[in-house]
Amino acid sequence: MKSKLLGLIIFFLISNSVFAESDQTWSFEQEKAGKLPPNWKVAETQGNGVNAIWEVDKNDTNGPGKHVLAITNNTNRGDMGNLLINENGVFKEVELSTRIKATTSGKSAGGGIIWRVVDENHYYLAQWNASSNSLRLYVYIGGKASLLESVSVEADSKAWHLLEVTHIENAIEVLFDGEPKISVEDKQLDFKGNFGLRAGGDAMPAFDDITLYSDEGEE
């Protein structure tokens, strides 16, 4: 009897530990080109209501796969943000990564990852700008950006690059092509939120192999 009870307890603990983790990957290989994949929502920060077109696109380069997720049409300009928010769950402590290619050479060429997204005006952003050769970490509160850190990054705008973010408790780490670039502590947005992608102004980047890991589970 005791052994059965012990077995049930062990099964319960294992089941809950598995449930408590979220490990997801989006490669878009099974998605239809020309469509927005399910559970992703288009939004804007400080925009004029004309959303950029985000959709699964055929990869015409020697990239990670046959399909990518990209902005294929964008008439926006300036400092506004084109957002694509994943609605699969809310998370506080995360490990995120994506492959990214700038594809265009405008003022805001490039893009980044957003997380702890409460809405289109509140989130963290790690953004690579191919035009200014920079990698920057921001926190957006009330639609206004506060720069937490900026470093120089020399990278080919026509090539694919790997952007990674880890946010555990108050510690934020940002890596570019496997190299640690930014390490700061910040607690201004100290709660769970969605994650997603962002492109500034006139940018039209492509993304692929997006990953999310969190030990908090989905809500």
N, C-alpha and C. Protein backbone atom coordinates (compact mmCIF):
# COMPACT_ATOMS: atom_id res chain seq x y z
N MET A 1 0.83 -1.20 0.00
CA MET A 1 0.00 0.00 0.00
C MET A 1 0.86 1.25 0.00
N LYS A 2 1.93 1.22 0.85
CA LYS A 2 2.82 2.36 0.93
C LYS A 2 3.53 2.59 -0.40
N SER A 3 3.93 1.49 -1.06
CA SER A 3 4.64 1.63 -2.34
C SER A 3 3.74 2.24 -3.40
N LYS A 4 2.43 1.86 -3.37
CA LYS A 4 1.48 2.44 -4.33
C LYS A 4 1.32 3.93 -4.09
N LEU A 5 1.21 4.30 -2.80
CA LEU A 5 1.05 5.71 -2.45
C LEU A 5 2.28 6.50 -2.85
N LEU A 6 3.47 5.94 -2.60
CA LEU A 6 4.71 6.60 -2.98
C LEU A 6 4.78 6.77 -4.49
N GLY A 7 4.34 5.74 -5.23
CA GLY A 7 4.33 5.83 -6.69
C GLY A 7 3.42 6.94 -7.19
N LEU A 8 2.24 7.08 -6.56
CA LEU A 8 1.30 8.14 -6.94
C LEU A 8 1.88 9.52 -6.66
N ILE A 9 2.57 9.65 -5.52
CA ILE A 9 3.19 10.94 -5.17
C ILE A 9 4.27 11.31 -6.18
N ILE A 10 5.12 10.33 -6.53
CA ILE A 10 6.18 10.58 -7.50
C ILE A 10 5.59 10.96 -8.85
N PHE A 11 4.55 10.23 -9.27
CA PHE A 11 3.89 10.54 -10.56
C PHE A 11 3.32 11.96 -10.53
N PHE A 12 2.70 12.33 -9.40
CA PHE A 12 2.11 13.67 -9.27
C PHE A 12 3.19 14.74 -9.39
N LEU A 13 4.33 14.53 -8.71
CA LEU A 13 5.41 15.51 -8.74
C LEU A 13 6.00 15.64 -10.13
N ILE A 14 6.21 14.50 -10.80
CA ILE A 14 6.77 14.54 -12.16
C ILE A 14 5.81 15.23 -13.11
N SER A 15 4.53 14.87 -13.01
CA SER A 15 3.52 15.47 -13.90
C SER A 15 3.47 16.97 -13.73
N ASN A 16 3.53 17.43 -12.48
CA ASN A 16 3.45 18.86 -12.24
C ASN A 16 4.72 19.57 -12.66
N SER A 17 5.87 18.93 -12.53
CA SER A 17 7.11 19.57 -12.96
C SER A 17 7.14 19.71 -14.48
N VAL A 18 6.58 18.73 -15.20
CA VAL A 18 6.51 18.84 -16.66
C VAL A 18 5.55 19.96 -17.05
N PHE A 19 4.39 20.00 -16.37
CA PHE A 19 3.39 21.02 -16.68
C PHE A 19 3.94 22.42 -16.40
N ALA A 20 4.83 22.51 -15.40
CA ALA A 20 5.33 23.81 -14.97
C ALA A 20 6.31 24.42 -15.97
N GLU A 21 6.70 23.67 -16.97
CA GLU A 21 7.63 24.18 -17.96
C GLU A 21 6.93 24.45 -19.28
N SER A 22 7.43 25.46 -19.99
CA SER A 22 6.95 25.73 -21.34
C SER A 22 8.16 25.83 -22.25
N ASP A 23 8.21 24.96 -23.25
CA ASP A 23 9.33 24.92 -24.18
C ASP A 23 8.74 24.85 -25.59
N GLN A 24 8.76 25.98 -26.31
CA GLN A 24 8.09 26.07 -27.59
C GLN A 24 9.03 26.57 -28.68
N THR A 25 8.78 26.10 -29.90
CA THR A 25 9.56 26.54 -31.06
C THR A 25 8.62 26.81 -32.23
N TRP A 26 8.90 27.87 -32.97
CA TRP A 26 8.12 28.22 -34.16
C TRP A 26 9.08 28.30 -35.35
N SER A 27 8.93 27.37 -36.30
CA SER A 27 9.76 27.39 -37.51
C SER A 27 8.94 27.73 -38.76
N PHE A 28 7.60 27.65 -38.65
CA PHE A 28 6.66 28.06 -39.70
C PHE A 28 6.73 27.20 -40.97
N GLU A 29 7.38 26.06 -40.89
CA GLU A 29 7.49 25.20 -42.07
C GLU A 29 6.15 24.61 -42.48
N GLN A 30 5.25 24.42 -41.53
CA GLN A 30 3.94 23.83 -41.84
C GLN A 30 2.85 24.88 -42.06
N GLU A 31 3.21 26.15 -41.93
CA GLU A 31 2.23 27.21 -42.10
C GLU A 31 2.14 27.64 -43.57
N LYS A 32 0.97 28.13 -43.97
CA LYS A 32 0.76 28.59 -45.33
C LYS A 32 1.40 29.95 -45.56
N ALA A 33 2.13 30.09 -46.65
CA ALA A 33 2.69 31.38 -47.02
C ALA A 33 1.58 32.37 -47.32
N GLY A 34 1.77 33.62 -46.94
CA GLY A 34 0.77 34.65 -47.18
C GLY A 34 -0.26 34.77 -46.07
N LYS A 35 -0.10 33.99 -45.01
CA LYS A 35 -1.04 34.02 -43.89
C LYS A 35 -0.32 34.35 -42.59
N LEU A 36 -1.05 34.97 -41.67
CA LEU A 36 -0.54 35.17 -40.32
C LEU A 36 -0.75 33.88 -39.54
N PRO A 37 0.29 33.34 -38.91
CA PRO A 37 0.11 32.08 -38.17
C PRO A 37 -0.84 32.27 -36.98
N PRO A 38 -1.48 31.19 -36.53
CA PRO A 38 -2.44 31.30 -35.42
C PRO A 38 -1.77 31.74 -34.13
N ASN A 39 -2.55 32.43 -33.30
CA ASN A 39 -2.13 32.89 -31.98
C ASN A 39 -1.08 33.99 -32.00
N TRP A 40 -0.98 34.69 -33.12
CA TRP A 40 -0.11 35.88 -33.20
C TRP A 40 -0.99 37.08 -33.54
N LYS A 41 -0.78 38.21 -32.87
CA LYS A 41 -1.61 39.39 -33.04
C LYS A 41 -0.76 40.59 -33.44
N VAL A 42 -1.19 41.31 -34.47
CA VAL A 42 -0.50 42.52 -34.93
C VAL A 42 -0.93 43.70 -34.07
N ALA A 43 0.04 44.56 -33.71
CA ALA A 43 -0.25 45.76 -32.92
C ALA A 43 0.78 46.83 -33.25
N GLU A 44 0.60 48.01 -32.68
CA GLU A 44 1.53 49.12 -32.90
C GLU A 44 1.80 49.86 -31.60
N THR A 45 2.99 50.44 -31.50
CA THR A 45 3.31 51.39 -30.45
C THR A 45 3.50 52.76 -31.09
N GLN A 46 2.75 53.73 -30.62
CA GLN A 46 2.83 55.09 -31.15
C GLN A 46 2.63 55.11 -32.67
N GLY A 47 1.74 54.27 -33.16
CA GLY A 47 1.47 54.20 -34.59
C GLY A 47 0.31 55.08 -35.01
N ASN A 48 0.01 55.02 -36.31
CA ASN A 48 -1.10 55.83 -36.84
C ASN A 48 -2.28 54.95 -37.27
N GLY A 49 -2.27 53.71 -36.83
CA GLY A 49 -3.38 52.82 -37.15
C GLY A 49 -3.26 52.06 -38.44
N VAL A 50 -2.14 52.25 -39.16
CA VAL A 50 -1.91 51.51 -40.41
C VAL A 50 -0.90 50.41 -40.11
N ASN A 51 -1.39 49.22 -39.85
CA ASN A 51 -0.50 48.12 -39.46
C ASN A 51 0.37 47.65 -40.62
N ALA A 52 1.62 47.34 -40.31
CA ALA A 52 2.46 46.63 -41.27
C ALA A 52 1.88 45.24 -41.51
N ILE A 53 2.18 44.67 -42.65
CA ILE A 53 1.70 43.32 -42.97
C ILE A 53 2.72 42.29 -42.51
N TRP A 54 2.35 41.52 -41.49
CA TRP A 54 3.16 40.39 -41.00
C TRP A 54 2.55 39.11 -41.57
N GLU A 55 3.38 38.23 -42.12
CA GLU A 55 2.86 36.97 -42.63
C GLU A 55 4.00 35.96 -42.83
N VAL A 56 3.60 34.71 -42.97
CA VAL A 56 4.57 33.68 -43.33
C VAL A 56 4.97 33.91 -44.78
N ASP A 57 6.27 33.90 -45.04
CA ASP A 57 6.79 34.21 -46.37
C ASP A 57 7.74 33.10 -46.81
N LYS A 58 7.83 32.90 -48.11
CA LYS A 58 8.79 31.92 -48.63
C LYS A 58 10.20 32.49 -48.51
N ASN A 59 11.10 31.68 -47.99
CA ASN A 59 12.48 32.11 -47.80
C ASN A 59 13.23 32.00 -49.12
N ASP A 60 13.64 33.15 -49.66
CA ASP A 60 14.31 33.14 -50.96
C ASP A 60 15.84 33.20 -50.83
N THR A 61 16.35 32.90 -49.63
CA THR A 61 17.79 32.87 -49.42
C THR A 61 18.18 31.53 -48.81
N ASN A 62 19.45 31.34 -48.57
CA ASN A 62 19.93 30.11 -47.93
C ASN A 62 19.79 30.23 -46.41
N GLY A 63 18.57 30.45 -45.98
CA GLY A 63 18.31 30.65 -44.56
C GLY A 63 17.99 29.36 -43.84
N PRO A 64 17.44 29.49 -42.61
CA PRO A 64 17.19 28.31 -41.78
C PRO A 64 16.18 27.32 -42.35
N GLY A 65 15.17 27.81 -43.09
CA GLY A 65 14.14 26.92 -43.60
C GLY A 65 13.47 27.48 -44.84
N LYS A 66 12.44 26.77 -45.31
CA LYS A 66 11.73 27.21 -46.51
C LYS A 66 10.80 28.37 -46.25
N HIS A 67 10.30 28.47 -45.00
CA HIS A 67 9.38 29.54 -44.63
C HIS A 67 9.97 30.38 -43.51
N VAL A 68 9.64 31.67 -43.51
CA VAL A 68 10.03 32.58 -42.45
C VAL A 68 8.80 33.41 -42.06
N LEU A 69 8.89 34.11 -40.96
CA LEU A 69 7.86 35.06 -40.56
C LEU A 69 8.42 36.45 -40.80
N ALA A 70 7.72 37.26 -41.60
CA ALA A 70 8.31 38.52 -42.03
C ALA A 70 7.28 39.62 -42.17
N ILE A 71 7.76 40.87 -42.16
CA ILE A 71 6.96 42.00 -42.61
C ILE A 71 7.15 42.11 -44.11
N THR A 72 6.09 41.98 -44.85
CA THR A 72 6.18 41.99 -46.31
C THR A 72 5.70 43.29 -46.93
N ASN A 73 5.04 44.13 -46.13
CA ASN A 73 4.63 45.45 -46.62
C ASN A 73 4.56 46.40 -45.43
N ASN A 74 5.17 47.57 -45.56
CA ASN A 74 5.24 48.50 -44.44
C ASN A 74 5.34 49.93 -44.95
N THR A 75 4.33 50.72 -44.70
CA THR A 75 4.33 52.13 -45.11
C THR A 75 4.63 53.06 -43.93
N ASN A 76 4.95 52.50 -42.77
CA ASN A 76 5.21 53.31 -41.58
C ASN A 76 6.60 53.93 -41.60
N ARG A 77 6.77 54.95 -40.79
CA ARG A 77 8.04 55.67 -40.70
C ARG A 77 8.25 56.13 -39.25
N GLY A 78 9.40 56.71 -39.02
CA GLY A 78 9.66 57.33 -37.72
C GLY A 78 9.98 56.35 -36.62
N ASP A 79 9.62 56.74 -35.39
CA ASP A 79 10.00 55.97 -34.20
C ASP A 79 8.92 55.01 -33.72
N MET A 80 7.83 54.87 -34.48
CA MET A 80 6.77 53.95 -34.05
C MET A 80 7.26 52.51 -34.07
N GLY A 81 6.51 51.63 -33.42
CA GLY A 81 6.89 50.23 -33.38
C GLY A 81 5.84 49.33 -34.01
N ASN A 82 6.27 48.46 -34.93
CA ASN A 82 5.42 47.43 -35.51
C ASN A 82 5.57 46.17 -34.66
N LEU A 83 4.49 45.73 -34.04
CA LEU A 83 4.55 44.60 -33.12
C LEU A 83 3.81 43.38 -33.64
N LEU A 84 4.33 42.22 -33.28
CA LEU A 84 3.62 40.96 -33.49
C LEU A 84 3.70 40.20 -32.17
N ILE A 85 2.55 40.05 -31.51
CA ILE A 85 2.51 39.52 -30.16
C ILE A 85 1.97 38.09 -30.16
N ASN A 86 2.70 37.19 -29.51
CA ASN A 86 2.25 35.80 -29.38
C ASN A 86 1.32 35.69 -28.17
N GLU A 87 0.16 35.05 -28.38
CA GLU A 87 -0.85 34.97 -27.32
C GLU A 87 -0.99 33.57 -26.74
N ASN A 88 0.05 32.75 -26.85
CA ASN A 88 0.01 31.37 -26.35
C ASN A 88 0.14 31.28 -24.84
N GLY A 89 0.51 32.35 -24.16
CA GLY A 89 0.67 32.29 -22.71
C GLY A 89 1.38 33.52 -22.19
N VAL A 90 1.34 33.70 -20.86
CA VAL A 90 2.05 34.81 -20.24
C VAL A 90 3.15 34.25 -19.35
N PHE A 91 4.29 34.93 -19.37
CA PHE A 91 5.48 34.44 -18.68
C PHE A 91 6.24 35.62 -18.09
N LYS A 92 6.93 35.37 -17.00
CA LYS A 92 7.77 36.40 -16.38
C LYS A 92 9.25 36.13 -16.63
N GLU A 93 9.70 34.95 -16.24
CA GLU A 93 11.11 34.59 -16.42
C GLU A 93 11.23 33.73 -17.68
N VAL A 94 12.02 34.20 -18.63
CA VAL A 94 12.05 33.57 -19.96
C VAL A 94 13.47 33.46 -20.51
N GLU A 95 13.60 32.49 -21.41
CA GLU A 95 14.75 32.42 -22.32
C GLU A 95 14.16 32.44 -23.73
N LEU A 96 14.54 33.44 -24.52
CA LEU A 96 13.98 33.64 -25.85
C LEU A 96 15.10 33.72 -26.88
N SER A 97 14.81 33.27 -28.09
CA SER A 97 15.77 33.44 -29.18
C SER A 97 15.04 33.47 -30.52
N THR A 98 15.69 34.08 -31.48
CA THR A 98 15.18 34.07 -32.85
C THR A 98 16.34 34.30 -33.81
N ARG A 99 16.20 33.75 -35.00
CA ARG A 99 17.08 34.13 -36.10
C ARG A 99 16.43 35.32 -36.79
N ILE A 100 17.25 36.30 -37.18
CA ILE A 100 16.72 37.53 -37.76
C ILE A 100 17.61 38.00 -38.90
N LYS A 101 16.94 38.52 -39.93
CA LYS A 101 17.65 39.13 -41.06
C LYS A 101 16.99 40.47 -41.34
N ALA A 102 17.79 41.50 -41.58
CA ALA A 102 17.25 42.85 -41.77
C ALA A 102 16.45 42.96 -43.07
N THR A 103 16.92 42.39 -44.15
CA THR A 103 16.33 42.36 -45.50
C THR A 103 16.27 43.71 -46.21
N THR A 104 16.11 44.83 -45.48
CA THR A 104 16.08 46.15 -46.10
C THR A 104 17.16 47.03 -45.48
N SER A 105 17.36 48.22 -46.06
CA SER A 105 18.44 49.10 -45.59
C SER A 105 17.91 50.46 -45.14
N GLY A 106 16.64 50.52 -44.71
CA GLY A 106 16.07 51.78 -44.26
C GLY A 106 16.65 52.25 -42.94
N LYS A 107 16.14 53.35 -42.44
CA LYS A 107 16.63 53.95 -41.20
C LYS A 107 16.54 52.99 -40.02
N SER A 108 15.48 52.19 -40.01
CA SER A 108 15.23 51.29 -38.87
C SER A 108 15.49 49.83 -39.21
N ALA A 109 16.33 49.56 -40.19
CA ALA A 109 16.56 48.18 -40.64
C ALA A 109 16.94 47.28 -39.47
N GLY A 110 16.29 46.12 -39.41
CA GLY A 110 16.53 45.19 -38.32
C GLY A 110 15.26 44.96 -37.53
N GLY A 111 15.40 44.51 -36.30
CA GLY A 111 14.23 44.24 -35.47
C GLY A 111 14.65 43.58 -34.18
N GLY A 112 13.67 43.09 -33.42
CA GLY A 112 14.03 42.51 -32.14
C GLY A 112 12.92 41.70 -31.49
N ILE A 113 13.19 41.33 -30.23
CA ILE A 113 12.29 40.52 -29.41
C ILE A 113 11.68 41.40 -28.32
N ILE A 114 10.40 41.21 -28.06
CA ILE A 114 9.75 41.87 -26.93
C ILE A 114 9.23 40.81 -25.97
N TRP A 115 9.18 41.16 -24.68
CA TRP A 115 8.68 40.21 -23.67
C TRP A 115 8.13 40.98 -22.47
N ARG A 116 7.48 40.25 -21.57
CA ARG A 116 6.70 40.86 -20.49
C ARG A 116 5.76 41.91 -21.09
N VAL A 117 5.13 41.52 -22.18
CA VAL A 117 4.24 42.42 -22.92
C VAL A 117 2.86 42.45 -22.24
N VAL A 118 2.54 43.58 -21.62
CA VAL A 118 1.22 43.76 -21.02
C VAL A 118 0.24 44.22 -22.09
N ASP A 119 0.67 45.15 -22.91
CA ASP A 119 -0.09 45.64 -24.06
C ASP A 119 0.91 46.28 -25.01
N GLU A 120 0.41 46.98 -26.04
CA GLU A 120 1.31 47.54 -27.05
C GLU A 120 2.17 48.69 -26.52
N ASN A 121 1.93 49.13 -25.29
CA ASN A 121 2.67 50.26 -24.73
C ASN A 121 3.56 49.90 -23.55
N HIS A 122 3.55 48.62 -23.14
CA HIS A 122 4.33 48.21 -21.98
C HIS A 122 5.04 46.88 -22.26
N TYR A 123 6.37 46.92 -22.35
CA TYR A 123 7.14 45.71 -22.63
C TYR A 123 8.64 46.02 -22.58
N TYR A 124 9.44 44.95 -22.57
CA TYR A 124 10.89 45.07 -22.77
C TYR A 124 11.19 44.77 -24.23
N LEU A 125 12.27 45.38 -24.74
CA LEU A 125 12.68 45.19 -26.13
C LEU A 125 14.18 45.06 -26.24
N ALA A 126 14.64 44.00 -26.89
CA ALA A 126 16.04 43.87 -27.31
C ALA A 126 16.05 43.99 -28.82
N GLN A 127 16.69 45.02 -29.36
CA GLN A 127 16.58 45.32 -30.79
C GLN A 127 17.94 45.52 -31.45
N TRP A 128 18.09 44.83 -32.58
CA TRP A 128 19.27 45.01 -33.44
C TRP A 128 18.89 45.98 -34.56
N ASN A 129 19.71 47.03 -34.71
CA ASN A 129 19.52 47.97 -35.81
C ASN A 129 20.71 47.87 -36.75
N ALA A 130 20.46 47.33 -37.95
CA ALA A 130 21.55 47.12 -38.90
C ALA A 130 22.07 48.43 -39.47
N SER A 131 21.22 49.46 -39.52
CA SER A 131 21.64 50.75 -40.09
C SER A 131 22.60 51.49 -39.17
N SER A 132 22.36 51.41 -37.86
CA SER A 132 23.23 52.11 -36.91
C SER A 132 24.26 51.18 -36.26
N ASN A 133 24.30 49.92 -36.70
CA ASN A 133 25.24 48.94 -36.14
C ASN A 133 25.15 48.89 -34.61
N SER A 134 23.92 48.79 -34.11
CA SER A 134 23.73 48.82 -32.67
C SER A 134 22.82 47.69 -32.20
N LEU A 135 23.02 47.32 -30.94
CA LEU A 135 22.13 46.40 -30.24
C LEU A 135 21.71 47.12 -28.97
N ARG A 136 20.39 47.29 -28.79
CA ARG A 136 19.91 48.11 -27.69
C ARG A 136 18.83 47.39 -26.89
N LEU A 137 18.81 47.69 -25.60
CA LEU A 137 17.81 47.15 -24.68
C LEU A 137 16.99 48.31 -24.15
N TYR A 138 15.66 48.21 -24.31
CA TYR A 138 14.74 49.24 -23.86
C TYR A 138 13.69 48.65 -22.93
N VAL A 139 13.08 49.53 -22.14
CA VAL A 139 11.83 49.22 -21.48
C VAL A 139 10.82 50.28 -21.91
N TYR A 140 9.65 49.82 -22.34
CA TYR A 140 8.58 50.72 -22.78
C TYR A 140 7.51 50.79 -21.69
N ILE A 141 7.23 51.99 -21.24
CA ILE A 141 6.18 52.22 -20.25
C ILE A 141 5.31 53.37 -20.75
N GLY A 142 4.03 53.11 -20.90
CA GLY A 142 3.13 54.12 -21.43
C GLY A 142 3.46 54.53 -22.86
N GLY A 143 4.06 53.60 -23.61
CA GLY A 143 4.41 53.88 -25.00
C GLY A 143 5.71 54.65 -25.17
N LYS A 144 6.36 55.00 -24.07
CA LYS A 144 7.61 55.76 -24.14
C LYS A 144 8.80 54.86 -23.80
N ALA A 145 9.85 54.96 -24.61
CA ALA A 145 11.02 54.09 -24.46
C ALA A 145 12.05 54.69 -23.52
N SER A 146 12.57 53.85 -22.63
CA SER A 146 13.73 54.21 -21.82
C SER A 146 14.87 53.28 -22.19
N LEU A 147 15.98 53.85 -22.61
CA LEU A 147 17.14 53.04 -23.01
C LEU A 147 17.88 52.53 -21.77
N LEU A 148 18.01 51.21 -21.68
CA LEU A 148 18.73 50.60 -20.56
C LEU A 148 20.20 50.35 -20.89
N GLU A 149 20.49 50.03 -22.15
CA GLU A 149 21.88 49.76 -22.57
C GLU A 149 21.96 49.77 -24.08
N SER A 150 23.09 50.22 -24.60
CA SER A 150 23.35 50.21 -26.05
C SER A 150 24.80 49.83 -26.30
N VAL A 151 25.01 48.92 -27.25
CA VAL A 151 26.37 48.51 -27.62
C VAL A 151 26.48 48.48 -29.14
N SER A 152 27.70 48.59 -29.64
CA SER A 152 27.94 48.53 -31.08
C SER A 152 28.02 47.07 -31.53
N VAL A 153 27.43 46.80 -32.69
CA VAL A 153 27.46 45.46 -33.28
C VAL A 153 27.71 45.60 -34.78
N GLU A 154 28.79 45.03 -35.26
CA GLU A 154 29.08 45.03 -36.69
C GLU A 154 28.56 43.71 -37.27
N ALA A 155 27.54 43.81 -38.13
CA ALA A 155 26.92 42.59 -38.65
C ALA A 155 26.40 42.84 -40.06
N ASP A 156 26.49 41.83 -40.89
CA ASP A 156 26.02 41.90 -42.27
C ASP A 156 24.50 41.95 -42.29
N SER A 157 23.93 43.02 -42.82
CA SER A 157 22.48 43.17 -42.83
C SER A 157 21.80 42.18 -43.76
N LYS A 158 22.54 41.57 -44.69
CA LYS A 158 21.96 40.63 -45.64
C LYS A 158 22.04 39.18 -45.15
N ALA A 159 22.66 38.99 -44.00
CA ALA A 159 22.84 37.64 -43.46
C ALA A 159 21.90 37.39 -42.29
N TRP A 160 21.70 36.11 -41.97
CA TRP A 160 20.92 35.73 -40.80
C TRP A 160 21.79 35.82 -39.55
N HIS A 161 21.18 36.30 -38.45
CA HIS A 161 21.89 36.41 -37.18
C HIS A 161 21.01 35.85 -36.07
N LEU A 162 21.65 35.47 -34.97
CA LEU A 162 20.94 34.89 -33.83
C LEU A 162 20.86 35.91 -32.70
N LEU A 163 19.64 36.22 -32.26
CA LEU A 163 19.40 37.13 -31.15
C LEU A 163 18.81 36.33 -30.00
N GLU A 164 19.41 36.45 -28.80
CA GLU A 164 18.96 35.68 -27.64
C GLU A 164 18.78 36.60 -26.44
N VAL A 165 17.76 36.30 -25.65
CA VAL A 165 17.46 37.07 -24.44
C VAL A 165 17.15 36.11 -23.30
N THR A 166 17.71 36.42 -22.12
CA THR A 166 17.35 35.72 -20.89
C THR A 166 16.98 36.75 -19.85
N HIS A 167 15.82 36.57 -19.22
CA HIS A 167 15.39 37.48 -18.15
C HIS A 167 14.95 36.62 -16.97
N ILE A 168 15.81 36.57 -15.94
CA ILE A 168 15.55 35.79 -14.74
C ILE A 168 15.58 36.74 -13.55
N GLU A 169 14.49 36.78 -12.79
CA GLU A 169 14.32 37.75 -11.71
C GLU A 169 14.52 39.15 -12.29
N ASN A 170 15.54 39.90 -11.84
CA ASN A 170 15.77 41.24 -12.39
C ASN A 170 16.92 41.29 -13.39
N ALA A 171 17.56 40.15 -13.64
CA ALA A 171 18.76 40.12 -14.49
C ALA A 171 18.39 39.85 -15.95
N ILE A 172 18.85 40.73 -16.83
CA ILE A 172 18.59 40.61 -18.27
C ILE A 172 19.92 40.44 -19.01
N GLU A 173 19.98 39.40 -19.83
CA GLU A 173 21.17 39.14 -20.66
C GLU A 173 20.74 39.11 -22.13
N VAL A 174 21.51 39.78 -22.98
CA VAL A 174 21.23 39.78 -24.41
C VAL A 174 22.49 39.32 -25.15
N LEU A 175 22.32 38.33 -26.03
CA LEU A 175 23.43 37.80 -26.82
C LEU A 175 23.14 38.03 -28.29
N PHE A 176 24.21 38.23 -29.06
CA PHE A 176 24.09 38.39 -30.51
C PHE A 176 25.10 37.46 -31.18
N ASP A 177 24.59 36.56 -32.01
CA ASP A 177 25.42 35.54 -32.65
C ASP A 177 26.26 34.78 -31.63
N GLY A 178 25.62 34.46 -30.51
CA GLY A 178 26.25 33.64 -29.48
C GLY A 178 27.17 34.36 -28.53
N GLU A 179 27.38 35.66 -28.72
CA GLU A 179 28.29 36.43 -27.87
C GLU A 179 27.50 37.32 -26.91
N PRO A 180 27.81 37.25 -25.60
CA PRO A 180 27.13 38.14 -24.64
C PRO A 180 27.45 39.60 -24.96
N LYS A 181 26.40 40.42 -25.05
CA LYS A 181 26.59 41.82 -25.40
C LYS A 181 26.07 42.78 -24.34
N ILE A 182 24.96 42.42 -23.70
CA ILE A 182 24.33 43.31 -22.72
C ILE A 182 24.00 42.52 -21.47
N SER A 183 24.28 43.11 -20.32
CA SER A 183 23.95 42.50 -19.04
C SER A 183 23.55 43.62 -18.07
N VAL A 184 22.28 43.67 -17.72
CA VAL A 184 21.79 44.72 -16.81
C VAL A 184 20.77 44.13 -15.85
N GLU A 185 20.43 44.92 -14.84
CA GLU A 185 19.34 44.56 -13.94
C GLU A 185 18.28 45.64 -14.00
N ASP A 186 17.01 45.22 -14.06
CA ASP A 186 15.90 46.17 -14.12
C ASP A 186 14.65 45.49 -13.61
N LYS A 187 13.83 46.22 -12.86
CA LYS A 187 12.60 45.65 -12.30
C LYS A 187 11.38 46.53 -12.54
N GLN A 188 11.43 47.36 -13.58
CA GLN A 188 10.32 48.28 -13.84
C GLN A 188 9.05 47.54 -14.26
N LEU A 189 9.21 46.45 -15.01
CA LEU A 189 8.06 45.62 -15.38
C LEU A 189 8.25 44.26 -14.70
N ASP A 190 7.83 44.18 -13.47
CA ASP A 190 8.13 43.01 -12.64
C ASP A 190 6.92 42.08 -12.56
N PHE A 191 6.43 41.65 -13.75
CA PHE A 191 5.27 40.77 -13.78
C PHE A 191 5.22 40.02 -15.10
N LYS A 192 4.28 39.09 -15.20
CA LYS A 192 4.17 38.25 -16.40
C LYS A 192 3.55 39.02 -17.56
N GLY A 193 3.89 38.54 -18.77
CA GLY A 193 3.30 39.10 -19.97
C GLY A 193 3.53 38.19 -21.16
N ASN A 194 2.99 38.56 -22.30
CA ASN A 194 3.25 37.83 -23.54
C ASN A 194 4.66 38.13 -24.05
N PHE A 195 5.04 37.47 -25.12
CA PHE A 195 6.27 37.83 -25.81
C PHE A 195 5.93 38.03 -27.28
N GLY A 196 6.90 38.55 -28.04
CA GLY A 196 6.65 38.76 -29.46
C GLY A 196 7.84 39.34 -30.19
N LEU A 197 7.55 39.96 -31.33
CA LEU A 197 8.57 40.52 -32.20
C LEU A 197 8.26 41.99 -32.44
N ARG A 198 9.30 42.74 -32.78
CA ARG A 198 9.11 44.16 -33.05
C ARG A 198 10.04 44.63 -34.16
N ALA A 199 9.54 45.54 -34.97
CA ALA A 199 10.35 46.20 -35.99
C ALA A 199 10.01 47.68 -35.95
N GLY A 200 11.01 48.52 -35.92
CA GLY A 200 10.77 49.95 -35.82
C GLY A 200 10.52 50.60 -37.17
N GLY A 201 9.66 51.61 -37.18
CA GLY A 201 9.47 52.46 -38.34
C GLY A 201 9.26 51.74 -39.65
N ASP A 202 10.21 51.94 -40.58
CA ASP A 202 10.08 51.39 -41.94
C ASP A 202 10.72 50.02 -42.11
N ALA A 203 11.14 49.40 -41.03
CA ALA A 203 11.86 48.12 -41.12
C ALA A 203 10.96 47.01 -41.65
N MET A 204 11.57 46.05 -42.35
CA MET A 204 10.86 44.89 -42.87
C MET A 204 11.69 43.63 -42.66
N PRO A 205 11.97 43.27 -41.41
CA PRO A 205 12.83 42.12 -41.14
C PRO A 205 12.11 40.79 -41.35
N ALA A 206 12.92 39.72 -41.40
CA ALA A 206 12.42 38.35 -41.42
C ALA A 206 12.92 37.64 -40.17
N PHE A 207 12.07 36.75 -39.62
CA PHE A 207 12.41 36.00 -38.41
C PHE A 207 12.19 34.51 -38.67
N ASP A 208 12.95 33.68 -37.98
CA ASP A 208 12.76 32.23 -38.08
C ASP A 208 13.30 31.55 -36.83
N ASP A 209 12.89 30.30 -36.64
CA ASP A 209 13.35 29.49 -35.51
C ASP A 209 13.23 30.25 -34.20
N ILE A 210 12.03 30.73 -33.91
CA ILE A 210 11.76 31.44 -32.67
C ILE A 210 11.56 30.43 -31.55
N THR A 211 12.21 30.62 -30.42
CA THR A 211 12.08 29.69 -29.30
C THR A 211 11.74 30.44 -28.02
N LEU A 212 10.97 29.76 -27.19
CA LEU A 212 10.63 30.27 -25.85
C LEU A 212 10.80 29.15 -24.86
N TYR A 213 11.50 29.45 -23.77
CA TYR A 213 11.56 28.51 -22.64
C TYR A 213 11.24 29.27 -21.37
N SER A 214 10.36 28.71 -20.56
CA SER A 214 10.08 29.25 -19.23
C SER A 214 9.70 28.10 -18.32
N ASP A 215 10.13 28.16 -17.08
CA ASP A 215 9.77 27.09 -16.13
C ASP A 215 8.51 27.44 -15.36
N GLU A 216 7.79 28.48 -15.81
CA GLU A 216 6.60 28.92 -15.09
C GLU A 216 5.30 28.32 -15.64
N GLY A 217 5.34 27.72 -16.82
CA GLY A 217 4.13 27.19 -17.41
C GLY A 217 3.32 28.26 -18.08
N GLU A 218 2.25 27.84 -18.77
CA GLU A 218 1.39 28.75 -19.54
C GLU A 218 0.15 29.11 -18.73
N GLU A 219 -0.38 30.32 -19.01
CA GLU A 219 -1.63 30.74 -18.38
C GLU A 219 -2.57 31.31 -19.42
